[in-house]
C-alpha cells in the first residue's frame, strides 16, 4: 500500500514542477519572437517572413514531435522530428542574432531542453530496436 500512497502524494505536486520546467523555454521563445518582430518594425511585412516564418514552422514541428512521441509511441520518428527542430532553432538563433542579440540568447534554454529530449528519444529508440542494450534486472540471468 505504501507505493500507492507516495503516488497520490507526489502526483499533484508534479503539475507545478512540470509547468516550471516546460514553460520557461516556451515563454522565452514567445518573447524572443516579439523582440524580433518589434526590431523589424512590427506589422506583417515581407522582411518578417523568414525570421518569424521559421518560428511558426518550429512551433508546428514541436507539437508534431510531442504527438509522435506521446500519442503514437514512435520514438524513432519523434527523434527525427526533434533533430529537425534542433536545426530549425539553431537557424532561428543565427538569423535572429543580427536583428536582436537578446532574442537569439533567449533560445539557448530551448536548445538545452531539445538536447535533453533528443537524448531521451534516442535512448528509447535504441532500446526499442536493440533489446540487448536494455538493462537487465539484477536477479535474472540472460540466456
N, C-alpha and C. Protein backbone atom coordinates (compact mmCIF):
# COMPACT_ATOMS: atom_id res chain seq x y z
N UNK A 1 0.82 -1.19 0.00
CA UNK A 1 0.00 0.00 0.00
C UNK A 1 0.86 1.26 0.00
N UNK A 2 2.12 1.15 0.44
CA UNK A 2 2.98 2.31 0.55
C UNK A 2 3.25 2.99 -0.81
N UNK A 3 3.59 2.26 -1.92
CA UNK A 3 3.86 2.94 -3.19
C UNK A 3 2.66 3.73 -3.71
N UNK A 4 1.44 3.21 -3.52
CA UNK A 4 0.28 3.94 -3.99
C UNK A 4 0.11 5.25 -3.22
N UNK A 5 0.41 5.24 -1.94
CA UNK A 5 0.32 6.46 -1.14
C UNK A 5 1.31 7.52 -1.61
N UNK A 6 2.51 7.08 -1.96
CA UNK A 6 3.52 8.02 -2.46
C UNK A 6 3.07 8.63 -3.78
N UNK A 7 2.48 7.80 -4.64
CA UNK A 7 2.00 8.31 -5.93
C UNK A 7 0.91 9.35 -5.72
N UNK A 8 -0.03 9.10 -4.82
CA UNK A 8 -1.12 10.05 -4.60
C UNK A 8 -0.62 11.34 -3.96
N UNK A 9 0.46 11.28 -3.21
CA UNK A 9 1.02 12.49 -2.63
C UNK A 9 1.89 13.24 -3.64
N UNK A 10 2.68 12.51 -4.42
CA UNK A 10 3.63 13.15 -5.35
C UNK A 10 2.97 13.64 -6.63
N UNK A 11 1.95 12.93 -7.10
CA UNK A 11 1.35 13.28 -8.39
C UNK A 11 0.80 14.70 -8.45
N UNK A 12 0.06 15.18 -7.45
CA UNK A 12 -0.41 16.57 -7.54
C UNK A 12 0.72 17.60 -7.53
N UNK A 13 1.87 17.23 -6.99
CA UNK A 13 3.00 18.15 -6.96
C UNK A 13 3.71 18.23 -8.30
N UNK A 14 3.51 17.25 -9.15
CA UNK A 14 4.22 17.20 -10.43
C UNK A 14 3.72 18.26 -11.40
N UNK A 15 2.46 18.67 -11.31
CA UNK A 15 1.93 19.67 -12.22
C UNK A 15 2.71 20.98 -12.19
N UNK A 16 2.83 21.60 -11.00
CA UNK A 16 3.60 22.84 -10.96
C UNK A 16 5.07 22.66 -11.31
N UNK A 17 5.63 21.50 -10.95
CA UNK A 17 7.03 21.25 -11.28
C UNK A 17 7.21 21.15 -12.80
N UNK A 18 6.31 20.41 -13.46
CA UNK A 18 6.40 20.28 -14.91
C UNK A 18 6.16 21.61 -15.61
N UNK A 19 5.21 22.39 -15.13
CA UNK A 19 4.98 23.71 -15.72
C UNK A 19 6.21 24.59 -15.55
N UNK A 20 6.83 24.52 -14.38
CA UNK A 20 8.05 25.30 -14.15
C UNK A 20 9.19 24.87 -15.04
N UNK A 21 9.26 23.58 -15.36
CA UNK A 21 10.33 23.10 -16.22
C UNK A 21 10.04 23.34 -17.70
N UNK A 22 8.79 23.19 -18.10
CA UNK A 22 8.45 23.27 -19.52
C UNK A 22 8.14 24.68 -20.00
N UNK A 23 7.57 25.51 -19.17
CA UNK A 23 7.10 26.82 -19.62
C UNK A 23 8.20 27.83 -19.92
N UNK A 24 9.32 27.87 -19.20
CA UNK A 24 10.27 28.95 -19.47
C UNK A 24 10.78 29.00 -20.90
N UNK A 25 11.09 27.86 -21.51
CA UNK A 25 11.60 27.94 -22.88
C UNK A 25 10.51 28.34 -23.85
N UNK A 26 9.26 27.98 -23.59
CA UNK A 26 8.16 28.39 -24.47
C UNK A 26 7.94 29.90 -24.33
N UNK A 27 7.94 30.38 -23.11
CA UNK A 27 7.72 31.81 -22.90
C UNK A 27 8.89 32.63 -23.41
N UNK A 28 10.10 32.15 -23.24
CA UNK A 28 11.25 32.90 -23.74
C UNK A 28 11.23 32.94 -25.26
N UNK A 29 10.77 31.86 -25.91
CA UNK A 29 10.66 31.87 -27.36
C UNK A 29 9.62 32.85 -27.85
N UNK A 30 8.50 32.94 -27.12
CA UNK A 30 7.46 33.92 -27.48
C UNK A 30 7.98 35.34 -27.33
N UNK A 31 8.66 35.60 -26.23
CA UNK A 31 9.20 36.94 -26.01
C UNK A 31 10.29 37.25 -27.03
N UNK A 32 11.10 36.26 -27.36
CA UNK A 32 12.16 36.48 -28.35
C UNK A 32 11.56 36.80 -29.72
N UNK A 33 10.50 36.09 -30.10
CA UNK A 33 9.86 36.40 -31.38
C UNK A 33 9.25 37.80 -31.36
N UNK A 34 8.72 38.21 -30.22
CA UNK A 34 8.21 39.58 -30.10
C UNK A 34 9.33 40.61 -30.27
N UNK A 35 10.49 40.34 -29.68
CA UNK A 35 11.62 41.25 -29.82
C UNK A 35 12.04 41.38 -31.29
N UNK A 36 12.07 40.26 -31.99
CA UNK A 36 12.43 40.29 -33.41
C UNK A 36 11.37 41.07 -34.19
N UNK A 37 10.11 40.79 -33.91
CA UNK A 37 9.01 41.49 -34.59
C UNK A 37 9.10 42.99 -34.35
N UNK A 38 9.38 43.39 -33.10
CA UNK A 38 9.47 44.81 -32.75
C UNK A 38 10.66 45.48 -33.43
N UNK A 39 11.81 44.80 -33.43
CA UNK A 39 13.01 45.39 -34.04
C UNK A 39 12.92 45.48 -35.56
N UNK A 40 12.08 44.63 -36.17
CA UNK A 40 11.92 44.66 -37.62
C UNK A 40 10.85 45.68 -38.05
N UNK A 41 10.29 46.41 -37.10
CA UNK A 41 9.33 47.45 -37.43
C UNK A 41 7.88 47.06 -37.22
N UNK A 42 7.62 45.87 -36.74
CA UNK A 42 6.24 45.45 -36.49
C UNK A 42 5.50 45.19 -37.79
N UNK A 43 4.22 45.06 -37.68
CA UNK A 43 3.40 44.80 -38.86
C UNK A 43 3.57 43.39 -39.37
N UNK A 44 3.20 43.22 -40.63
CA UNK A 44 3.28 41.90 -41.25
C UNK A 44 3.92 42.00 -42.62
N UNK A 45 5.02 42.73 -42.71
CA UNK A 45 5.68 42.96 -43.98
C UNK A 45 6.56 41.80 -44.42
N UNK A 46 7.09 41.93 -45.62
CA UNK A 46 7.93 40.91 -46.22
C UNK A 46 9.22 40.65 -45.44
N UNK A 47 9.86 41.64 -44.82
CA UNK A 47 11.10 41.35 -44.08
C UNK A 47 10.90 40.39 -42.90
N UNK A 48 9.68 40.28 -42.40
CA UNK A 48 9.41 39.41 -41.26
C UNK A 48 9.14 37.97 -41.68
N UNK A 49 9.02 37.72 -42.97
CA UNK A 49 8.62 36.38 -43.44
C UNK A 49 9.61 35.30 -43.00
N UNK A 50 10.89 35.51 -43.19
CA UNK A 50 11.86 34.47 -42.84
C UNK A 50 12.06 34.33 -41.33
N UNK A 51 12.34 35.41 -40.59
CA UNK A 51 12.58 35.22 -39.15
C UNK A 51 11.37 34.67 -38.40
N UNK A 52 10.20 35.19 -38.66
CA UNK A 52 9.03 34.71 -37.94
C UNK A 52 8.40 33.48 -38.60
N UNK A 53 8.66 33.29 -39.89
CA UNK A 53 8.21 32.06 -40.55
C UNK A 53 8.90 30.85 -39.97
N UNK A 54 10.21 30.97 -39.72
CA UNK A 54 10.93 29.87 -39.07
C UNK A 54 10.36 29.57 -37.69
N UNK A 55 9.98 30.62 -36.98
CA UNK A 55 9.42 30.44 -35.64
C UNK A 55 8.09 29.67 -35.72
N UNK A 56 7.26 30.01 -36.68
CA UNK A 56 5.97 29.34 -36.82
C UNK A 56 6.17 27.87 -37.22
N UNK A 57 7.11 27.62 -38.13
CA UNK A 57 7.38 26.24 -38.55
C UNK A 57 7.92 25.42 -37.38
N UNK A 58 8.81 26.00 -36.57
CA UNK A 58 9.34 25.22 -35.44
C UNK A 58 8.27 24.96 -34.40
N UNK A 59 7.32 25.87 -34.24
CA UNK A 59 6.21 25.60 -33.31
C UNK A 59 5.39 24.41 -33.80
N UNK A 60 5.09 24.37 -35.09
CA UNK A 60 4.31 23.27 -35.65
C UNK A 60 5.06 21.94 -35.51
N UNK A 61 6.35 21.94 -35.79
CA UNK A 61 7.13 20.71 -35.68
C UNK A 61 7.28 20.29 -34.23
N UNK A 62 7.35 21.26 -33.33
CA UNK A 62 7.43 20.94 -31.90
C UNK A 62 6.18 20.19 -31.44
N UNK A 63 5.03 20.66 -31.84
CA UNK A 63 3.79 19.98 -31.46
C UNK A 63 3.68 18.62 -32.14
N UNK A 64 4.15 18.51 -33.37
CA UNK A 64 4.12 17.22 -34.07
C UNK A 64 5.02 16.21 -33.36
N UNK A 65 6.19 16.65 -32.92
CA UNK A 65 7.10 15.74 -32.21
C UNK A 65 6.47 15.25 -30.92
N UNK A 66 5.76 16.13 -30.22
CA UNK A 66 5.08 15.70 -28.99
C UNK A 66 4.02 14.65 -29.28
N UNK A 67 3.26 14.86 -30.35
CA UNK A 67 2.22 13.90 -30.71
C UNK A 67 2.84 12.56 -31.09
N UNK A 68 3.91 12.61 -31.87
CA UNK A 68 4.57 11.35 -32.27
C UNK A 68 5.15 10.61 -31.08
N UNK A 69 5.68 11.34 -30.14
CA UNK A 69 6.34 10.71 -29.00
C UNK A 69 5.34 10.15 -28.00
N UNK A 70 4.35 10.95 -27.62
CA UNK A 70 3.46 10.56 -26.53
C UNK A 70 2.20 9.84 -26.99
N UNK A 71 1.69 10.12 -28.17
CA UNK A 71 0.44 9.52 -28.60
C UNK A 71 0.66 8.31 -29.50
N UNK A 72 1.49 8.47 -30.51
CA UNK A 72 1.71 7.40 -31.47
C UNK A 72 2.77 6.41 -30.99
N UNK A 73 3.60 6.82 -30.05
CA UNK A 73 4.65 5.97 -29.47
C UNK A 73 5.66 5.50 -30.52
N UNK A 74 6.15 6.44 -31.32
CA UNK A 74 7.19 6.13 -32.30
C UNK A 74 8.41 6.98 -31.97
N UNK A 75 9.29 6.48 -31.09
CA UNK A 75 10.44 7.27 -30.69
C UNK A 75 11.41 7.57 -31.83
N UNK A 76 11.51 6.69 -32.83
CA UNK A 76 12.41 6.94 -33.94
C UNK A 76 11.96 8.14 -34.77
N UNK A 77 10.68 8.19 -35.10
CA UNK A 77 10.15 9.32 -35.86
C UNK A 77 10.17 10.59 -35.03
N UNK A 78 9.90 10.47 -33.75
CA UNK A 78 9.98 11.63 -32.87
C UNK A 78 11.42 12.14 -32.79
N UNK A 79 12.39 11.24 -32.78
CA UNK A 79 13.80 11.66 -32.76
C UNK A 79 14.15 12.43 -34.02
N UNK A 80 13.68 11.97 -35.18
CA UNK A 80 13.93 12.70 -36.42
C UNK A 80 13.31 14.10 -36.37
N UNK A 81 12.10 14.18 -35.85
CA UNK A 81 11.45 15.49 -35.71
C UNK A 81 12.22 16.39 -34.75
N UNK A 82 12.72 15.81 -33.65
CA UNK A 82 13.48 16.62 -32.69
C UNK A 82 14.79 17.12 -33.29
N UNK A 83 15.44 16.29 -34.10
CA UNK A 83 16.67 16.74 -34.75
C UNK A 83 16.39 17.83 -35.78
N UNK A 84 15.29 17.69 -36.51
CA UNK A 84 14.87 18.75 -37.42
C UNK A 84 14.55 20.02 -36.65
N UNK A 85 13.88 19.87 -35.54
CA UNK A 85 13.54 21.01 -34.69
C UNK A 85 14.80 21.68 -34.14
N UNK A 86 15.77 20.88 -33.76
CA UNK A 86 17.04 21.43 -33.27
C UNK A 86 17.71 22.28 -34.35
N UNK A 87 17.72 21.76 -35.59
CA UNK A 87 18.28 22.53 -36.70
C UNK A 87 17.52 23.82 -36.95
N UNK A 88 16.20 23.78 -36.85
CA UNK A 88 15.41 24.99 -37.04
C UNK A 88 15.69 26.02 -35.96
N UNK A 89 15.82 25.59 -34.72
CA UNK A 89 16.07 26.54 -33.63
C UNK A 89 17.48 27.14 -33.76
N UNK A 90 18.45 26.34 -34.17
CA UNK A 90 19.80 26.87 -34.40
C UNK A 90 19.77 27.89 -35.53
N UNK A 91 19.06 27.58 -36.62
CA UNK A 91 18.98 28.53 -37.72
C UNK A 91 18.22 29.79 -37.31
N UNK A 92 17.20 29.64 -36.47
CA UNK A 92 16.50 30.82 -35.96
C UNK A 92 17.45 31.69 -35.16
N UNK A 93 18.25 31.08 -34.30
CA UNK A 93 19.19 31.85 -33.48
C UNK A 93 20.20 32.57 -34.36
N UNK A 94 20.67 31.92 -35.42
CA UNK A 94 21.64 32.55 -36.32
C UNK A 94 21.01 33.70 -37.11
N UNK A 95 19.77 33.54 -37.51
CA UNK A 95 19.09 34.61 -38.25
C UNK A 95 18.67 35.74 -37.32
N UNK A 96 18.26 35.41 -36.10
CA UNK A 96 17.80 36.43 -35.16
C UNK A 96 18.95 37.22 -34.54
N UNK A 97 20.15 36.66 -34.51
CA UNK A 97 21.26 37.32 -33.83
C UNK A 97 21.56 38.71 -34.38
N UNK A 98 21.63 38.92 -35.71
CA UNK A 98 21.86 40.28 -36.20
C UNK A 98 20.69 41.23 -35.92
N UNK A 99 19.50 40.69 -35.79
CA UNK A 99 18.32 41.52 -35.55
C UNK A 99 18.24 41.94 -34.09
N UNK A 100 18.37 40.96 -33.19
CA UNK A 100 18.28 41.23 -31.76
C UNK A 100 19.08 40.15 -31.03
N UNK A 101 20.17 40.53 -30.41
CA UNK A 101 21.05 39.57 -29.75
C UNK A 101 20.37 38.88 -28.57
N UNK A 102 19.54 39.63 -27.83
CA UNK A 102 18.83 39.04 -26.70
C UNK A 102 17.86 37.96 -27.17
N UNK A 103 17.20 38.20 -28.28
CA UNK A 103 16.26 37.20 -28.82
C UNK A 103 16.99 35.90 -29.15
N UNK A 104 18.18 36.01 -29.73
CA UNK A 104 18.96 34.81 -30.04
C UNK A 104 19.41 34.10 -28.76
N UNK A 105 19.81 34.86 -27.75
CA UNK A 105 20.25 34.26 -26.49
C UNK A 105 19.09 33.60 -25.74
N UNK A 106 17.89 34.12 -25.91
CA UNK A 106 16.73 33.52 -25.24
C UNK A 106 16.39 32.15 -25.79
N UNK A 107 16.95 31.79 -26.93
CA UNK A 107 16.71 30.46 -27.49
C UNK A 107 17.63 29.39 -26.91
N UNK A 108 18.66 29.80 -26.18
CA UNK A 108 19.61 28.83 -25.62
C UNK A 108 18.98 27.85 -24.63
N UNK A 109 18.08 28.28 -23.71
CA UNK A 109 17.44 27.28 -22.84
C UNK A 109 16.59 26.28 -23.63
N UNK A 110 15.99 26.75 -24.71
CA UNK A 110 15.20 25.86 -25.56
C UNK A 110 16.11 24.83 -26.23
N UNK A 111 17.28 25.25 -26.68
CA UNK A 111 18.24 24.31 -27.26
C UNK A 111 18.71 23.29 -26.23
N UNK A 112 18.90 23.74 -25.00
CA UNK A 112 19.28 22.81 -23.93
C UNK A 112 18.18 21.79 -23.69
N UNK A 113 16.94 22.26 -23.67
CA UNK A 113 15.80 21.37 -23.46
C UNK A 113 15.69 20.38 -24.63
N UNK A 114 15.90 20.84 -25.85
CA UNK A 114 15.85 19.93 -27.01
C UNK A 114 16.96 18.89 -26.96
N UNK A 115 18.11 19.27 -26.43
CA UNK A 115 19.20 18.32 -26.28
C UNK A 115 18.81 17.19 -25.32
N UNK A 116 18.19 17.55 -24.22
CA UNK A 116 17.75 16.55 -23.25
C UNK A 116 16.68 15.64 -23.85
N UNK A 117 15.66 16.23 -24.47
CA UNK A 117 14.58 15.42 -25.03
C UNK A 117 15.06 14.55 -26.19
N UNK A 118 15.98 15.06 -27.00
CA UNK A 118 16.51 14.25 -28.10
C UNK A 118 17.33 13.08 -27.56
N UNK A 119 18.07 13.30 -26.48
CA UNK A 119 18.85 12.19 -25.92
C UNK A 119 17.93 11.13 -25.31
N UNK A 120 16.84 11.55 -24.71
CA UNK A 120 15.86 10.58 -24.18
C UNK A 120 15.20 9.82 -25.32
N UNK A 121 14.80 10.54 -26.36
CA UNK A 121 14.17 9.88 -27.52
C UNK A 121 15.14 8.91 -28.18
N UNK A 122 16.43 9.30 -28.26
CA UNK A 122 17.43 8.39 -28.84
C UNK A 122 17.55 7.12 -28.02
N UNK A 123 17.59 7.29 -26.71
CA UNK A 123 17.72 6.12 -25.84
C UNK A 123 16.51 5.19 -25.99
N UNK A 124 15.32 5.76 -26.02
CA UNK A 124 14.11 4.94 -26.19
C UNK A 124 14.09 4.27 -27.55
N UNK A 125 14.52 4.98 -28.58
CA UNK A 125 14.55 4.41 -29.92
C UNK A 125 15.57 3.27 -29.99
N UNK A 126 16.76 3.49 -29.42
CA UNK A 126 17.79 2.46 -29.42
C UNK A 126 17.34 1.23 -28.66
N UNK A 127 16.70 1.45 -27.51
CA UNK A 127 16.24 0.30 -26.72
C UNK A 127 15.10 -0.45 -27.41
N UNK A 128 14.30 0.24 -28.19
CA UNK A 128 13.21 -0.45 -28.89
C UNK A 128 13.74 -1.26 -30.07
N UNK A 129 14.87 -0.83 -30.66
CA UNK A 129 15.46 -1.58 -31.77
C UNK A 129 16.34 -2.72 -31.31
N UNK A 130 17.07 -2.50 -30.25
CA UNK A 130 18.06 -3.49 -29.77
C UNK A 130 17.76 -3.82 -28.31
N UNK A 131 16.95 -4.82 -28.05
CA UNK A 131 16.62 -5.15 -26.66
C UNK A 131 17.83 -5.57 -25.84
N UNK A 132 18.93 -6.00 -26.48
CA UNK A 132 20.10 -6.42 -25.70
C UNK A 132 20.80 -5.24 -25.04
N UNK A 133 20.50 -3.99 -25.46
CA UNK A 133 21.08 -2.81 -24.82
C UNK A 133 20.34 -2.44 -23.53
N UNK A 134 19.18 -3.02 -23.32
CA UNK A 134 18.40 -2.67 -22.13
C UNK A 134 19.05 -3.28 -20.90
N UNK A 135 18.91 -2.59 -19.78
CA UNK A 135 19.45 -3.08 -18.52
C UNK A 135 18.67 -4.30 -18.07
N UNK A 136 19.38 -5.30 -17.61
CA UNK A 136 18.75 -6.50 -17.09
C UNK A 136 18.55 -6.35 -15.60
N UNK A 137 17.41 -6.81 -15.07
CA UNK A 137 17.23 -6.79 -13.61
C UNK A 137 18.32 -7.63 -12.94
N UNK A 138 18.70 -7.27 -11.74
CA UNK A 138 19.84 -7.91 -11.09
C UNK A 138 19.58 -9.33 -10.64
N UNK A 139 18.40 -9.79 -10.53
CA UNK A 139 18.14 -11.14 -10.07
C UNK A 139 18.04 -12.15 -11.19
N UNK A 140 17.95 -11.71 -12.45
CA UNK A 140 17.73 -12.62 -13.55
C UNK A 140 19.00 -12.78 -14.37
N UNK A 141 19.12 -13.96 -14.96
CA UNK A 141 20.26 -14.23 -15.84
C UNK A 141 19.73 -14.33 -17.26
N UNK A 142 20.44 -13.68 -18.18
CA UNK A 142 20.02 -13.76 -19.57
C UNK A 142 20.61 -15.00 -20.20
N UNK A 143 19.84 -15.63 -21.10
CA UNK A 143 20.08 -16.90 -21.66
C UNK A 143 21.29 -17.18 -22.37
